[in-house]
Amino acid sequence: MHETYGDRVQFLLVYIREAHAIDSESPMTFGMIEDPISDAERRGVASQCVDDLELDAITTVIDRLDDRVNQAYQAGPDRLYLVGQDGKIAYAGARGPSGFRPSELEDAIVAELGRDR
């Protein structure tokens, strides 16, 4: 989607709290990431995630340790949003992973781009 619409839509990856840190309530052994205890550590974990997933073409912003963005958007573990040209939420996907539906986001992008400006 970024390659297709990136010249007309600003894509942002918002890195929130690591859902499966080894010291979290739902640890996973892949990656062996500890929950960061500083903003600098979270930036490092986010950078590693972006590198590992080869998402460096997308601008990444990072939620601070207070997790205000995650809480405001109920993002954990992942969620897709589209902000319309009018500044209002044009699409809010359900919480992931089951609600992570890129095809729905793409449909919303196509509809938004088709609106008169």
Protein backbone atom coordinates (compact mmCIF):
# COMPACT_ATOMS: atom_id res chain seq x y z
CA MET A 1 0.00 0.00 0.00
CA HIS A 2 2.81 2.37 0.81
CA GLU A 3 4.31 1.85 -2.64
CA THR A 4 0.90 2.32 -4.31
CA TYR A 5 -0.45 5.30 -2.36
CA GLY A 6 2.62 6.76 -0.66
CA ASP A 7 2.74 9.74 -3.01
CA ARG A 8 -0.82 10.74 -1.95
CA VAL A 9 -1.15 9.37 1.59
CA GLN A 10 1.19 9.92 4.51
CA PHE A 11 1.86 6.57 6.16
CA LEU A 12 3.02 6.45 9.76
CA LEU A 13 3.99 3.44 11.79
CA VAL A 14 3.37 4.18 15.46
CA TYR A 15 5.47 1.90 17.62
CA ILE A 16 3.74 1.17 20.92
CA ARG A 17 4.63 -1.02 23.88
CA GLU A 18 6.10 -4.38 22.95
CA ALA A 19 3.21 -6.83 23.38
CA HIS A 20 5.34 -9.92 23.96
CA ALA A 21 8.42 -8.79 25.85
CA ILE A 22 9.98 -11.63 27.81
CA ASP A 23 9.23 -9.80 31.07
CA SER A 24 5.59 -9.01 30.14
CA GLU A 25 2.29 -10.71 30.98
CA SER A 26 2.33 -12.47 27.56
CA PRO A 27 5.96 -13.35 26.88
CA MET A 28 7.15 -14.89 23.64
CA THR A 29 10.57 -16.35 23.10
CA PHE A 30 11.07 -14.93 19.59
CA GLY A 31 13.16 -11.81 19.61
CA MET A 32 13.87 -12.09 23.34
CA ILE A 33 13.04 -8.41 23.92
CA GLU A 34 12.71 -7.01 27.42
CA ASP A 35 10.15 -4.27 28.04
CA PRO A 36 12.09 -1.01 27.70
CA ILE A 37 12.49 1.10 30.83
CA SER A 38 13.44 4.32 29.05
CA ASP A 39 12.37 6.17 25.94
CA ALA A 40 15.85 5.59 24.52
CA GLU A 41 15.49 1.82 24.97
CA ARG A 42 12.05 1.90 23.34
CA ARG A 43 13.56 3.78 20.38
CA GLY A 44 16.18 1.07 20.08
CA VAL A 45 13.60 -1.73 20.15
CA ALA A 46 11.46 0.13 17.59
CA SER A 47 14.46 0.63 15.31
CA GLN A 48 15.27 -3.07 15.49
CA CYS A 49 11.64 -3.97 14.70
CA VAL A 50 11.57 -1.62 11.69
CA ASP A 51 14.86 -3.06 10.43
CA ASP A 52 13.81 -6.69 10.95
CA LEU A 53 10.49 -6.16 9.14
CA GLU A 54 12.11 -4.02 6.42
CA LEU A 55 9.70 -1.14 7.06
CA ASP A 56 12.29 1.62 6.85
CA ALA A 57 10.46 3.29 3.92
CA ILE A 58 7.62 4.21 6.31
CA THR A 59 8.08 7.04 8.80
CA THR A 60 8.05 5.62 12.31
CA VAL A 61 7.02 7.49 15.43
CA ILE A 62 7.32 6.04 18.90
CA ASP A 63 4.87 6.15 21.79
CA ARG A 64 6.58 7.26 24.98
CA LEU A 65 6.82 5.07 28.06
CA ASP A 66 3.59 6.53 29.47
CA ASP A 67 1.79 4.72 26.59
CA ARG A 68 -0.66 7.61 26.07
CA VAL A 69 -1.04 6.98 22.35
CA ASN A 70 -1.59 3.26 22.86
CA GLN A 71 -4.24 3.95 25.49
CA ALA A 72 -5.99 6.68 23.48
CA TYR A 73 -6.27 4.56 20.34
CA GLN A 74 -6.55 1.14 22.02
CA ALA A 75 -3.81 0.06 19.68
CA GLY A 76 -2.41 -2.99 21.43
CA PRO A 77 -1.24 -5.20 19.89
CA ASP A 78 -1.89 -3.55 16.51
CA ARG A 79 -4.49 -1.45 14.78
CA LEU A 80 -4.99 0.39 11.49
CA TYR A 81 -6.33 3.94 11.23
CA LEU A 82 -6.91 6.35 8.38
CA VAL A 83 -7.22 10.06 9.06
CA GLY A 84 -9.26 11.71 6.34
CA GLN A 85 -8.50 14.88 4.46
CA ASP A 86 -10.83 16.69 6.89
CA GLY A 87 -8.67 15.60 9.86
CA LYS A 88 -11.28 13.16 11.20
CA ILE A 89 -10.91 9.41 11.55
CA ALA A 90 -12.05 7.96 8.20
CA TYR A 91 -11.29 4.35 9.12
CA ALA A 92 -10.62 2.62 12.42
CA GLY A 93 -9.87 -1.06 12.15
CA ALA A 94 -10.62 -3.46 14.94
CA ARG A 95 -7.89 -4.42 17.36
CA GLY A 96 -5.43 -6.96 16.06
CA PRO A 97 -4.32 -9.42 15.30
CA SER A 98 -7.77 -10.63 14.19
CA GLY A 99 -8.87 -7.07 13.37
CA PHE A 100 -5.72 -6.24 11.42
CA ARG A 101 -7.20 -6.12 7.92
CA PRO A 102 -5.06 -4.18 5.47
CA SER A 103 -7.57 -4.77 2.65
CA GLU A 104 -10.19 -2.80 4.60
CA LEU A 105 -7.71 0.03 5.08
CA GLU A 106 -6.95 0.02 1.36
CA ASP A 107 -10.66 0.23 0.55
CA ALA A 108 -10.92 3.24 2.89
CA ILE A 109 -7.89 4.88 1.25
CA VAL A 110 -9.40 4.44 -2.21
CA ALA A 111 -12.71 5.92 -1.00
CA GLU A 112 -10.97 8.86 0.69
CA LEU A 113 -8.84 9.62 -2.37
CA GLY A 114 -11.98 9.58 -4.49
CA ARG A 115 -13.67 12.31 -2.44
CA ASP A 116 -13.78 15.85 -3.77
CA ARG A 117 -11.24 18.05 -2.03
